[in-house]
C-alpha atoms as a PDB file:
ATOM      1  CA  MET A   1       0.000   0.000   0.000  1.00  0.00           C
ATOM      2  CA  SER A   2       2.840   2.398   0.862  1.00  0.00           C
ATOM      3  CA  ASN A   3       4.333   1.893  -2.598  1.00  0.00           C
ATOM      4  CA  VAL A   4       0.997   2.803  -4.183  1.00  0.00           C
ATOM      5  CA  HIS A   5       0.761   5.967  -2.111  1.00  0.00           C
ATOM      6  CA  SER A   6       4.391   6.849  -2.956  1.00  0.00           C
ATOM      7  CA  LEU A   7       3.798   6.341  -6.682  1.00  0.00           C
ATOM      8  CA  THR A   8       0.608   8.406  -6.550  1.00  0.00           C
ATOM      9  CA  ALA A   9       2.379  11.249  -4.754  1.00  0.00           C
ATOM     10  CA  LYS A  10       5.212  11.165  -7.295  1.00  0.00           C
ATOM     11  CA  ASP A  11       2.786  11.200 -10.213  1.00  0.00           C
ATOM     12  CA  SER A  12       0.839  14.020  -8.624  1.00  0.00           C
ATOM     13  CA  LYS A  13       3.988  16.105  -8.174  1.00  0.00           C
ATOM     14  CA  ALA A  14       4.985  15.497 -11.817  1.00  0.00           C
ATOM     15  CA  GLU A  15       1.505  16.509 -12.987  1.00  0.00           C
ATOM     16  CA  ILE A  16       1.659  19.730 -10.956  1.00  0.00           C
ATOM     17  CA  ARG A  17       5.071  20.563 -12.431  1.00  0.00           C
ATOM     18  CA  LYS A  18       3.811  19.803 -15.940  1.00  0.00           C
ATOM     19  CA  THR A  19       0.846  22.140 -15.441  1.00  0.00           C
ATOM     20  CA  ASP A  20       3.151  24.855 -14.089  1.00  0.00           C
ATOM     21  CA  VAL A  21       5.613  24.523 -17.001  1.00  0.00           C
ATOM     22  CA  VAL A  22       2.863  24.607 -19.627  1.00  0.00           C
ATOM     23  CA  MET A  23       1.254  27.619 -17.954  1.00  0.00           C
ATOM     24  CA  GLN A  24       4.555  29.538 -17.841  1.00  0.00           C
ATOM     25  CA  ILE A  25       5.272  28.819 -21.511  1.00  0.00           C
ATOM     26  CA  ASN A  26       1.767  29.827 -22.601  1.00  0.00           C
ATOM     27  CA  THR A  27       2.056  33.048 -20.604  1.00  0.00           C
ATOM     28  CA  LEU A  28       5.340  33.928 -22.341  1.00  0.00           C
ATOM     29  CA  ILE A  29       3.869  33.197 -25.774  1.00  0.00           C
ATOM     30  CA  GLU A  30       0.665  35.153 -25.121  1.00  0.00           C
ATOM     31  CA  ALA A  31       2.710  38.125 -23.890  1.00  0.00           C
ATOM     32  CA  GLY A  32       4.709  38.092 -27.112  1.00  0.00           C
ATOM     33  CA  ARG A  33       7.967  37.436 -25.275  1.00  0.00           C
ATOM     34  CA  VAL A  34       8.478  34.074 -26.956  1.00  0.00           C
ATOM     35  CA  VAL A  35       7.623  32.887 -30.469  1.00  0.00           C
ATOM     36  CA  ALA A  36       6.275  29.337 -30.447  1.00  0.00           C
ATOM     37  CA  ALA A  37       7.989  28.384 -33.710  1.00  0.00           C
ATOM     38  CA  HIS A  38      11.366  29.563 -32.375  1.00  0.00           C
ATOM     39  CA  LEU A  39      10.817  27.734 -29.104  1.00  0.00           C
ATOM     40  CA  ALA A  40      10.011  24.505 -30.943  1.00  0.00           C
ATOM     41  CA  GLN A  41      13.259  24.819 -32.873  1.00  0.00           C
ATOM     42  CA  GLU A  42      15.273  25.520 -29.714  1.00  0.00           C
ATOM     43  CA  ILE A  43      14.020  22.375 -27.969  1.00  0.00           C
ATOM     44  CA  SER A  44      14.096  20.227 -31.158  1.00  0.00           C
ATOM     45  CA  VAL A  45      10.371  19.493 -31.222  1.00  0.00           C
ATOM     46  CA  ALA A  46       7.991  19.770 -34.178  1.00  0.00           C
ATOM     47  CA  PRO A  47       5.872  22.963 -33.975  1.00  0.00           C
ATOM     48  CA  SER A  48       2.691  20.891 -34.254  1.00  0.00           C
ATOM     49  CA  THR A  49       3.773  18.697 -31.329  1.00  0.00           C
ATOM     50  CA  LEU A  50       4.553  21.727 -29.173  1.00  0.00           C
ATOM     51  CA  SER A  51       1.198  23.285 -30.014  1.00  0.00           C
ATOM     52  CA  GLN A  52      -0.673  20.124 -29.045  1.00  0.00           C
ATOM     53  CA  VAL A  53       1.222  19.797 -25.758  1.00  0.00           C
ATOM     54  CA  LEU A  54       0.561  23.424 -24.826  1.00  0.00           C
ATOM     55  CA  ASN A  55      -3.119  23.083 -25.717  1.00  0.00           C
ATOM     56  CA  GLY A  56      -3.568  19.777 -23.881  1.00  0.00           C
ATOM     57  CA  GLN A  57      -4.337  17.924 -27.121  1.00  0.00           C
ATOM     58  CA  TYR A  58      -1.250  15.707 -27.389  1.00  0.00           C
ATOM     59  CA  LYS A  59      -2.357  12.065 -27.411  1.00  0.00           C
ATOM     60  CA  ALA A  60       0.999  10.455 -26.598  1.00  0.00           C
ATOM     61  CA  ASN A  61       3.081  10.725 -23.425  1.00  0.00           C
ATOM     62  CA  THR A  62       4.142  14.349 -22.895  1.00  0.00           C
ATOM     63  CA  THR A  63       6.916  13.607 -20.375  1.00  0.00           C
ATOM     64  CA  GLN A  64       9.877  14.160 -22.717  1.00  0.00           C
ATOM     65  CA  VAL A  65       8.483  17.365 -24.253  1.00  0.00           C
ATOM     66  CA  VAL A  66       7.635  18.813 -20.854  1.00  0.00           C
ATOM     67  CA  LYS A  67      11.127  17.933 -19.614  1.00  0.00           C
ATOM     68  CA  LYS A  68      12.615  19.861 -22.540  1.00  0.00           C
ATOM     69  CA  LEU A  69      10.378  22.833 -21.801  1.00  0.00           C
ATOM     70  CA  ASP A  70      11.331  22.694 -18.113  1.00  0.00           C
ATOM     71  CA  ASN A  71      15.042  22.696 -19.021  1.00  0.00           C
ATOM     72  CA  TRP A  72      14.443  25.611 -21.395  1.00  0.00           C
ATOM     73  CA  LEU A  73      12.734  27.608 -18.647  1.00  0.00           C
ATOM     74  CA  ARG A  74      15.600  26.951 -16.220  1.00  0.00           C
ATOM     75  CA  MET A  75      18.148  28.110 -18.792  1.00  0.00           C
ATOM     76  CA  ARG A  76      16.077  31.235 -19.424  1.00  0.00           C
ATOM     77  CA  GLU A  77      16.005  31.996 -15.705  1.00  0.00           C
ATOM     78  CA  GLN A  78      19.785  31.593 -15.505  1.00  0.00           C
ATOM     79  CA  ARG A  79      20.272  34.016 -18.390  1.00  0.00           C
ATOM     80  CA  GLU A  80      18.017  36.594 -16.748  1.00  0.00           C
ATOM     81  CA  ALA A  81      19.842  36.171 -13.431  1.00  0.00           C
ATOM     82  CA  ASN A  82      23.168  36.701 -15.211  1.00  0.00           C
ATOM     83  CA  PRO A  83      22.534  39.559 -17.638  1.00  0.00           C
ATOM     84  CA  ASN A  84      24.893  39.552 -20.589  1.00  0.00           C
ATOM     85  CA  LEU A  85      25.952  43.066 -21.520  1.00  0.00           C
ATOM     86  CA  ASP A  86      27.328  41.877 -24.844  1.00  0.00           C
ATOM     87  CA  PRO A  87      26.768  44.756 -27.307  1.00  0.00           C
ATOM     88  CA  GLY A  88      26.757  42.282 -30.190  1.00  0.00           C
ATOM     89  CA  PHE A  89      28.522  43.094 -33.421  1.00  0.00           C
ATOM     90  CA  VAL A  90      31.076  45.916 -33.106  1.00  0.00           C
ATOM     91  CA  LEU A  91      32.119  47.788 -36.225  1.00  0.00           C
ATOM     92  CA  THR A  92      35.857  47.674 -35.617  1.00  0.00           C
ATOM     93  CA  PRO A  93      38.316  49.155 -38.137  1.00  0.00           C
ATOM     94  CA  THR A  94      39.082  45.634 -39.380  1.00  0.00           C
ATOM     95  CA  ALA A  95      35.385  44.722 -39.683  1.00  0.00           C
ATOM     96  CA  ASN A  96      34.798  47.930 -41.613  1.00  0.00           C
ATOM     97  CA  LEU A  97      37.652  47.048 -43.977  1.00  0.00           C
ATOM     98  CA  VAL A  98      36.275  43.534 -44.545  1.00  0.00           C
ATOM     99  CA  MET A  99      32.794  44.878 -45.242  1.00  0.00           C
ATOM    100  CA  ASP A 100      34.163  47.491 -47.645  1.00  0.00           C
ATOM    101  CA  ASN A 101      35.825  44.702 -49.645  1.00  0.00           C
ATOM    102  CA  LEU A 102      32.603  42.682 -49.677  1.00  0.00           C
ATOM    103  CA  SER A 103      30.701  45.725 -50.880  1.00  0.00           C
ATOM    104  CA  TYR A 104      33.272  46.289 -53.619  1.00  0.00           C
ATOM    105  CA  ALA A 105      32.890  42.671 -54.774  1.00  0.00           C
ATOM    106  CA  GLN A 106      29.107  42.895 -54.888  1.00  0.00           C
ATOM    107  CA  ILE A 107      28.904  46.288 -56.579  1.00  0.00           C
ATOM    108  CA  THR A 108      31.587  45.643 -59.197  1.00  0.00           C
ATOM    109  CA  GLN A 109      30.710  41.947 -59.678  1.00  0.00           C
ATOM    110  CA  ALA A 110      34.281  40.928 -58.905  1.00  0.00           C
ATOM    111  CA  ILE A 111      36.189  38.315 -56.934  1.00  0.00           C
ATOM    112  CA  VAL A 112      37.914  39.402 -53.741  1.00  0.00           C
ATOM    113  CA  VAL A 113      40.099  37.329 -51.463  1.00  0.00           C
ATOM    114  CA  ILE A 114      40.145  37.982 -47.722  1.00  0.00           C
ATOM    115  CA  ILE A 115      42.801  36.070 -45.817  1.00  0.00           C
ATOM    116  CA  GLY A 116      44.150  36.246 -42.321  1.00  0.00           C
ATOM    117  CA  ALA A 117      44.838  34.639 -39.010  1.00  0.00           C
ATOM    118  CA  SER A 118      42.143  33.002 -36.912  1.00  0.00           C
ATOM    119  CA  GLY A 119      40.300  35.266 -34.506  1.00  0.00           C
ATOM    120  CA  VAL A 120      40.866  38.643 -36.194  1.00  0.00           C
ATOM    121  CA  GLY A 121      37.139  39.264 -36.687  1.00  0.00           C
ATOM    122  CA  LYS A 122      36.571  38.081 -40.256  1.00  0.00           C
ATOM    123  CA  SER A 123      33.620  35.777 -39.589  1.00  0.00           C
ATOM    124  CA  ARG A 124      31.612  38.301 -37.564  1.00  0.00           C
ATOM    125  CA  ALA A 125      32.073  40.897 -40.314  1.00  0.00           C
ATOM    126  CA  LEU A 126      30.865  38.399 -42.927  1.00  0.00           C
ATOM    127  CA  GLU A 127      27.754  37.646 -40.880  1.00  0.00           C
ATOM    128  CA  GLU A 128      26.979  41.324 -40.377  1.00  0.00           C
ATOM    129  CA  TYR A 129      27.399  42.131 -44.057  1.00  0.00           C
ATOM    130  CA  GLN A 130      25.043  39.302 -44.977  1.00  0.00           C
ATOM    131  CA  ARG A 131      22.503  40.465 -42.388  1.00  0.00           C
ATOM    132  CA  SER A 132      22.631  44.047 -43.644  1.00  0.00           C
ATOM    133  CA  ASN A 133      22.450  43.457 -47.406  1.00  0.00           C
ATOM    134  CA  ASN A 134      20.163  41.775 -49.896  1.00  0.00           C
ATOM    135  CA  ASN A 135      21.124  38.764 -52.016  1.00  0.00           C
ATOM    136  CA  VAL A 136      24.165  37.814 -49.993  1.00  0.00           C
ATOM    137  CA  TRP A 137      24.675  34.081 -49.578  1.00  0.00           C
ATOM    138  CA  LYS A 138      27.350  32.608 -47.304  1.00  0.00           C
ATOM    139  CA  VAL A 139      28.571  29.033 -47.239  1.00  0.00           C
ATOM    140  CA  ILE A 140      31.309  27.486 -45.132  1.00  0.00           C
ATOM    141  CA  ALA A 141      33.673  24.975 -46.666  1.00  0.00           C
ATOM    142  CA  SER A 142      34.950  22.101 -44.546  1.00  0.00           C
ATOM    143  CA  PRO A 143      36.603  18.703 -45.035  1.00  0.00           C
ATOM    144  CA  SER A 144      33.160  17.188 -45.700  1.00  0.00           C
ATOM    145  CA  ARG A 145      32.116  20.088 -47.935  1.00  0.00           C
ATOM    146  CA  SER A 146      35.291  20.572 -49.935  1.00  0.00           C
ATOM    147  CA  SER A 147      34.510  18.567 -53.060  1.00  0.00           C
ATOM    148  CA  LEU A 148      32.937  20.287 -56.047  1.00  0.00           C
ATOM    149  CA  THR A 149      29.586  18.523 -55.719  1.00  0.00           C
ATOM    150  CA  GLU A 150      29.290  19.078 -51.964  1.00  0.00           C
ATOM    151  CA  LEU A 151      30.155  22.771 -52.160  1.00  0.00           C
ATOM    152  CA  LEU A 152      27.735  23.365 -55.025  1.00  0.00           C
ATOM    153  CA  TYR A 153      25.038  21.623 -53.002  1.00  0.00           C
ATOM    154  CA  GLU A 154      25.804  23.869 -50.025  1.00  0.00           C
ATOM    155  CA  ILE A 155      25.351  26.890 -52.290  1.00  0.00           C
ATOM    156  CA  ALA A 156      22.064  25.468 -53.588  1.00  0.00           C
ATOM    157  CA  MET A 157      20.797  24.991 -50.018  1.00  0.00           C
ATOM    158  CA  GLU A 158      21.816  28.545 -49.119  1.00  0.00           C
ATOM    159  CA  LEU A 159      19.892  29.748 -52.174  1.00  0.00           C
ATOM    160  CA  GLY A 160      16.795  27.955 -50.876  1.00  0.00           C
ATOM    161  CA  MET A 161      16.861  25.266 -53.573  1.00  0.00           C
ATOM    162  CA  ALA A 162      15.801  22.314 -51.430  1.00  0.00           C
ATOM    163  CA  GLN A 163      15.040  20.129 -54.442  1.00  0.00           C
ATOM    164  CA  ALA A 164      18.353  20.757 -56.202  1.00  0.00           C
ATOM    165  CA  PRO A 165      19.905  17.789 -58.041  1.00  0.00           C
ATOM    166  CA  ARG A 166      22.815  15.988 -56.391  1.00  0.00           C
ATOM    167  CA  THR A 167      25.094  15.568 -59.413  1.00  0.00           C
ATOM    168  CA  LYS A 168      27.516  18.349 -60.281  1.00  0.00           C
ATOM    169  CA  GLY A 169      26.476  19.023 -63.889  1.00  0.00           C
ATOM    170  CA  PRO A 170      22.754  19.595 -63.336  1.00  0.00           C
ATOM    171  CA  LEU A 171      23.531  21.192 -59.972  1.00  0.00           C
ATOM    172  CA  ALA A 172      25.824  23.794 -61.528  1.00  0.00           C
ATOM    173  CA  ARG A 173      23.231  24.582 -64.195  1.00  0.00           C
ATOM    174  CA  VAL A 174      20.350  25.243 -61.785  1.00  0.00           C
ATOM    175  CA  ILE A 175      22.613  27.400 -59.579  1.00  0.00           C
ATOM    176  CA  ARG A 176      23.707  29.479 -62.578  1.00  0.00           C
ATOM    177  CA  GLN A 177      20.081  29.983 -63.577  1.00  0.00           C
ATOM    178  CA  ARG A 178      19.178  31.083 -60.053  1.00  0.00           C
ATOM    179  CA  LEU A 179      22.059  33.555 -59.759  1.00  0.00           C
ATOM    180  CA  LYS A 180      21.828  35.283 -63.138  1.00  0.00           C
ATOM    181  CA  GLY A 181      20.546  38.828 -62.767  1.00  0.00           C
ATOM    182  CA  SER A 182      20.558  38.670 -58.956  1.00  0.00           C
ATOM    183  CA  GLU A 183      23.373  41.219 -58.506  1.00  0.00           C
ATOM    184  CA  GLY A 184      24.232  39.191 -55.455  1.00  0.00           C
ATOM    185  CA  LEU A 185      27.326  38.110 -53.585  1.00  0.00           C
ATOM    186  CA  ILE A 186      28.469  34.615 -52.673  1.00  0.00           C
ATOM    187  CA  ILE A 187      30.814  34.382 -49.695  1.00  0.00           C
ATOM    188  CA  VAL A 188      32.792  31.178 -49.242  1.00  0.00           C
ATOM    189  CA  ASP A 189      34.290  31.085 -45.759  1.00  0.00           C
ATOM    190  CA  GLU A 190      37.051  28.604 -44.819  1.00  0.00           C
ATOM    191  CA  ALA A 191      37.891  28.505 -48.543  1.00  0.00           C
ATOM    192  CA  ASP A 192      41.332  27.101 -47.724  1.00  0.00           C
ATOM    193  CA  HIS A 193      39.628  23.666 -47.695  1.00  0.00           C
ATOM    194  CA  LEU A 194      38.878  23.883 -51.430  1.00  0.00           C
ATOM    195  CA  ASP A 195      40.995  22.292 -54.131  1.00  0.00           C
ATOM    196  CA  TYR A 196      41.859  23.834 -57.489  1.00  0.00           C
ATOM    197  CA  PRO A 197      39.022  22.259 -59.563  1.00  0.00           C
ATOM    198  CA  THR A 198      36.434  23.562 -57.081  1.00  0.00           C
ATOM    199  CA  LEU A 199      37.976  27.045 -57.091  1.00  0.00           C
ATOM    200  CA  GLU A 200      38.014  26.973 -60.887  1.00  0.00           C
ATOM    201  CA  GLU A 201      34.318  26.070 -60.949  1.00  0.00           C
ATOM    202  CA  LEU A 202      33.600  29.005 -58.648  1.00  0.00           C
ATOM    203  CA  ARG A 203      35.496  31.311 -61.004  1.00  0.00           C
ATOM    204  CA  ILE A 204      33.407  30.140 -63.950  1.00  0.00           C
ATOM    205  CA  LEU A 205      30.202  30.454 -61.905  1.00  0.00           C
ATOM    206  CA  GLN A 206      31.090  34.044 -61.014  1.00  0.00           C
ATOM    207  CA  GLU A 207      31.881  34.971 -64.607  1.00  0.00           C
ATOM    208  CA  GLU A 208      28.779  33.389 -66.122  1.00  0.00           C
ATOM    209  CA  THR A 209      26.338  34.866 -63.606  1.00  0.00           C
ATOM    210  CA  GLY A 210      27.866  38.299 -63.045  1.00  0.00           C
ATOM    211  CA  ILE A 211      27.710  38.068 -59.275  1.00  0.00           C
ATOM    212  CA  GLY A 212      30.300  39.163 -56.735  1.00  0.00           C
ATOM    213  CA  MET A 213      32.312  36.544 -54.897  1.00  0.00           C
ATOM    214  CA  ALA A 214      34.462  36.576 -51.768  1.00  0.00           C
ATOM    215  CA  LEU A 215      36.841  33.754 -50.888  1.00  0.00           C
ATOM    216  CA  VAL A 216      37.717  33.939 -47.211  1.00  0.00           C
ATOM    217  CA  GLY A 217      40.100  31.902 -45.091  1.00  0.00           C
ATOM    218  CA  ASN A 218      43.672  31.574 -43.925  1.00  0.00           C
ATOM    219  CA  ASN A 219      46.781  32.202 -46.001  1.00  0.00           C
ATOM    220  CA  LYS A 220      46.391  28.825 -47.697  1.00  0.00           C
ATOM    221  CA  VAL A 221      43.572  30.314 -49.787  1.00  0.00           C
ATOM    222  CA  TYR A 222      46.051  32.499 -51.629  1.00  0.00           C
ATOM    223  CA  THR A 223      48.411  29.564 -52.116  1.00  0.00           C
ATOM    224  CA  GLN A 224      45.543  27.560 -53.598  1.00  0.00           C
ATOM    225  CA  LEU A 225      44.721  30.391 -55.989  1.00  0.00           C
ATOM    226  CA  THR A 226      48.286  30.675 -57.263  1.00  0.00           C
ATOM    227  CA  GLY A 227      49.376  27.069 -57.008  1.00  0.00           C
ATOM    228  CA  GLY A 228      52.174  28.323 -54.788  1.00  0.00           C
ATOM    229  CA  ARG A 229      53.458  30.326 -57.717  1.00  0.00           C
ATOM    230  CA  ARG A 230      51.961  32.298 -60.583  1.00  0.00           C
ATOM    231  CA  ASN A 231      52.256  29.611 -63.244  1.00  0.00           C
ATOM    232  CA  GLU A 232      50.198  29.254 -66.394  1.00  0.00           C
ATOM    233  CA  ASP A 233      47.923  26.563 -64.967  1.00  0.00           C
ATOM    234  CA  TYR A 234      46.600  28.999 -62.382  1.00  0.00           C
ATOM    235  CA  ALA A 235      46.777  32.183 -64.476  1.00  0.00           C
ATOM    236  CA  ARG A 236      43.091  32.267 -65.400  1.00  0.00           C
ATOM    237  CA  LEU A 237      42.019  31.987 -61.783  1.00  0.00           C
ATOM    238  CA  PHE A 238      44.629  34.321 -60.339  1.00  0.00           C
ATOM    239  CA  SER A 239      43.991  37.031 -62.943  1.00  0.00           C
ATOM    240  CA  ARG A 240      40.300  37.200 -61.922  1.00  0.00           C
ATOM    241  CA  ILE A 241      41.134  38.323 -58.379  1.00  0.00           C
ATOM    242  CA  ALA A 242      40.256  42.008 -58.228  1.00  0.00           C
ATOM    243  CA  LYS A 243      41.366  42.700 -54.645  1.00  0.00           C
ATOM    244  CA  LYS A 244      43.173  40.906 -51.846  1.00  0.00           C
ATOM    245  CA  LEU A 245      42.852  41.848 -48.184  1.00  0.00           C
ATOM    246  CA  SER A 246      45.326  40.320 -45.747  1.00  0.00           C
ATOM    247  CA  ILE A 247      44.789  40.580 -41.978  1.00  0.00           C
ATOM    248  CA  ASN A 248      47.658  38.928 -40.156  1.00  0.00           C
ATOM    249  CA  LYS A 249      46.974  39.894 -36.551  1.00  0.00           C
ATOM    250  CA  THR A 250      44.501  41.653 -34.294  1.00  0.00           C
ATOM    251  CA  LYS A 251      44.768  45.423 -34.136  1.00  0.00           C
ATOM    252  CA  GLN A 252      44.790  47.477 -30.974  1.00  0.00           C
ATOM    253  CA  ALA A 253      42.301  49.837 -32.606  1.00  0.00           C
ATOM    254  CA  ASP A 254      39.866  46.901 -32.875  1.00  0.00           C
ATOM    255  CA  VAL A 255      40.317  46.080 -29.189  1.00  0.00           C
ATOM    256  CA  ARG A 256      39.720  49.709 -28.207  1.00  0.00           C
ATOM    257  CA  ALA A 257      36.530  49.794 -30.284  1.00  0.00           C
ATOM    258  CA  ILE A 258      35.331  46.635 -28.528  1.00  0.00           C
ATOM    259  CA  ALA A 259      36.234  48.089 -25.120  1.00  0.00           C
ATOM    260  CA  LYS A 260      34.200  51.199 -25.895  1.00  0.00           C
ATOM    261  CA  ALA A 261      31.211  49.099 -26.969  1.00  0.00           C
ATOM    262  CA  TRP A 262      31.412  47.184 -23.680  1.00  0.00           C
ATOM    263  CA  ASN A 263      31.715  50.494 -21.803  1.00  0.00           C
ATOM    264  CA  LEU A 264      35.213  49.668 -20.535  1.00  0.00           C
ATOM    265  CA  GLN A 265      37.259  52.846 -20.342  1.00  0.00           C
ATOM    266  CA  HIS A 266      40.035  52.324 -17.785  1.00  0.00           C
ATOM    267  CA  ASP A 267      43.582  51.691 -18.927  1.00  0.00           C
ATOM    268  CA  ALA A 268      43.908  48.558 -16.761  1.00  0.00           C
ATOM    269  CA  GLU A 269      40.997  46.790 -18.462  1.00  0.00           C
ATOM    270  CA  ILE A 270      41.979  47.901 -21.959  1.00  0.00           C
ATOM    271  CA  SER A 271      45.592  46.868 -21.435  1.00  0.00           C
ATOM    272  CA  LEU A 272      44.519  43.395 -20.314  1.00  0.00           C
ATOM    273  CA  MET A 273      42.122  43.129 -23.262  1.00  0.00           C
ATOM    274  CA  ILE A 274      44.967  43.915 -25.661  1.00  0.00           C
ATOM    275  CA  GLN A 275      47.117  41.221 -24.017  1.00  0.00           C
ATOM    276  CA  ILE A 276      44.296  38.676 -24.359  1.00  0.00           C
ATOM    277  CA  SER A 277      43.728  39.592 -28.021  1.00  0.00           C
ATOM    278  CA  GLU A 278      47.365  38.790 -28.768  1.00  0.00           C
ATOM    279  CA  LYS A 279      46.889  35.194 -27.618  1.00  0.00           C
ATOM    280  CA  PRO A 280      45.947  32.417 -30.076  1.00  0.00           C
ATOM    281  CA  GLY A 281      42.308  32.939 -31.003  1.00  0.00           C
ATOM    282  CA  GLY A 282      42.604  36.727 -30.793  1.00  0.00           C
ATOM    283  CA  LEU A 283      39.270  38.525 -30.718  1.00  0.00           C
ATOM    284  CA  ARG A 284      37.363  35.248 -30.425  1.00  0.00           C
ATOM    285  CA  LEU A 285      39.125  34.531 -27.126  1.00  0.00           C
ATOM    286  CA  LEU A 286      38.571  38.119 -26.037  1.00  0.00           C
ATOM    287  CA  SER A 287      34.840  37.832 -26.746  1.00  0.00           C
ATOM    288  CA  LYS A 288      34.587  34.657 -24.670  1.00  0.00           C
ATOM    289  CA  THR A 289      36.471  36.332 -21.837  1.00  0.00           C
ATOM    290  CA  LEU A 290      34.209  39.389 -21.856  1.00  0.00           C
ATOM    291  CA  LYS A 291      31.050  37.273 -21.819  1.00  0.00           C
ATOM    292  CA  LEU A 292      32.293  35.170 -18.897  1.00  0.00           C
ATOM    293  CA  ALA A 293      33.388  38.293 -17.012  1.00  0.00           C
ATOM    294  CA  ALA A 294      29.909  39.763 -17.580  1.00  0.00           C
ATOM    295  CA  MET A 295      28.383  36.655 -16.004  1.00  0.00           C
ATOM    296  CA  PHE A 296      30.676  37.026 -13.006  1.00  0.00           C
ATOM    297  CA  ALA A 297      29.730  40.716 -12.736  1.00  0.00           C
ATOM    298  CA  LYS A 298      25.976  39.901 -12.567  1.00  0.00           C
ATOM    299  CA  GLY A 299      24.953  43.226 -14.063  1.00  0.00           C
ATOM    300  CA  ALA A 300      27.626  45.308 -12.344  1.00  0.00           C
ATOM    301  CA  ALA A 301      30.613  46.873 -14.102  1.00  0.00           C
ATOM    302  CA  ILE A 302      33.271  44.568 -15.515  1.00  0.00           C
ATOM    303  CA  THR A 303      36.552  45.184 -13.731  1.00  0.00           C
ATOM    304  CA  GLU A 304      40.121  44.274 -14.565  1.00  0.00           C
ATOM    305  CA  ALA A 305      40.002  41.674 -11.762  1.00  0.00           C
ATOM    306  CA  LEU A 306      36.888  40.025 -13.245  1.00  0.00           C
ATOM    307  CA  LEU A 307      38.452  40.020 -16.703  1.00  0.00           C
ATOM    308  CA  ARG A 308      41.574  38.359 -15.353  1.00  0.00           C
ATOM    309  CA  THR A 309      39.556  35.770 -13.437  1.00  0.00           C
ATOM    310  CA  ALA A 310      37.512  34.965 -16.539  1.00  0.00           C
ATOM    311  CA  PHE A 311      40.587  34.719 -18.735  1.00  0.00           C
ATOM    312  CA  ASN A 312      42.411  32.485 -16.249  1.00  0.00           C
ATOM    313  CA  GLU A 313      39.415  30.147 -16.076  1.00  0.00           C
ATOM    314  CA  LEU A 314      39.181  29.904 -19.846  1.00  0.00           C
ATOM    315  CA  GLU A 315      42.942  29.386 -20.161  1.00  0.00           C
ATOM    316  CA  THR A 316      42.791  26.605 -17.568  1.00  0.00           C
ATOM    317  CA  ASN A 317      40.004  24.887 -19.506  1.00  0.00           C
ATOM    318  CA  GLU A 318      42.088  25.103 -22.670  1.00  0.00           C
END
């Protein structure tokens, strides 16, 4: 009998929590503070399933969905308890330079190459340019997306062509048709993963469609474009490069712009930020440090001591 009572009490507690979770989520949605479709994506549940659970119409067991919603609510509470003062994208001098080159490529329908060390702010500038301009499509090359067919398919997906063919000939043709007259820009990040035939196909795609193109990555990109030397085999590709931007290290002016955006004005904090930016990972490491320091600060000002504590913790984890 005691086991029955214990099980009933446990079930009752779970049902009360389920009701509370569902009520909190519905309140957030009704207040316009949460979009149901976004929430479904964040907890990896079909929108229709979420809707049925929230409306009490789900026929199957709701335990797993409610657990996901409960975890989501707890994470939301933690974020609100630890306000992140991250100003988001900062238009640093380097970011401005990257975006100017992207604009040049799109306006003049040319190929630009942007190369540099990791963590100098290239990727954030690419994302901001895409967000701020029409007909800008960005793909990221990788070991699994370095072959001609795979990269073309990535471009097709970015163009919204979900039913694109999976063989390179037909795939290239439908992409060309989609891009002609678009006056757009294709950005290929991590382009150092691409081999010569794939780069050559991109050159032909750019010429035939009249779009702009930006090849972005580390210094290997430039080596790939020249074959290590300006020989005849690579002349057609190399001669199509209109501009090359090389960013070899983080700039103090970028760090000062970031410090200003974070409302850090004292020499001690800025000096430490510059030191952090000179470590491997550069501005990426600095961004992580600032975000962790902001969590430690809990809404108060970020101090040099908090920055150092955050950096030391991240360095230890590395």
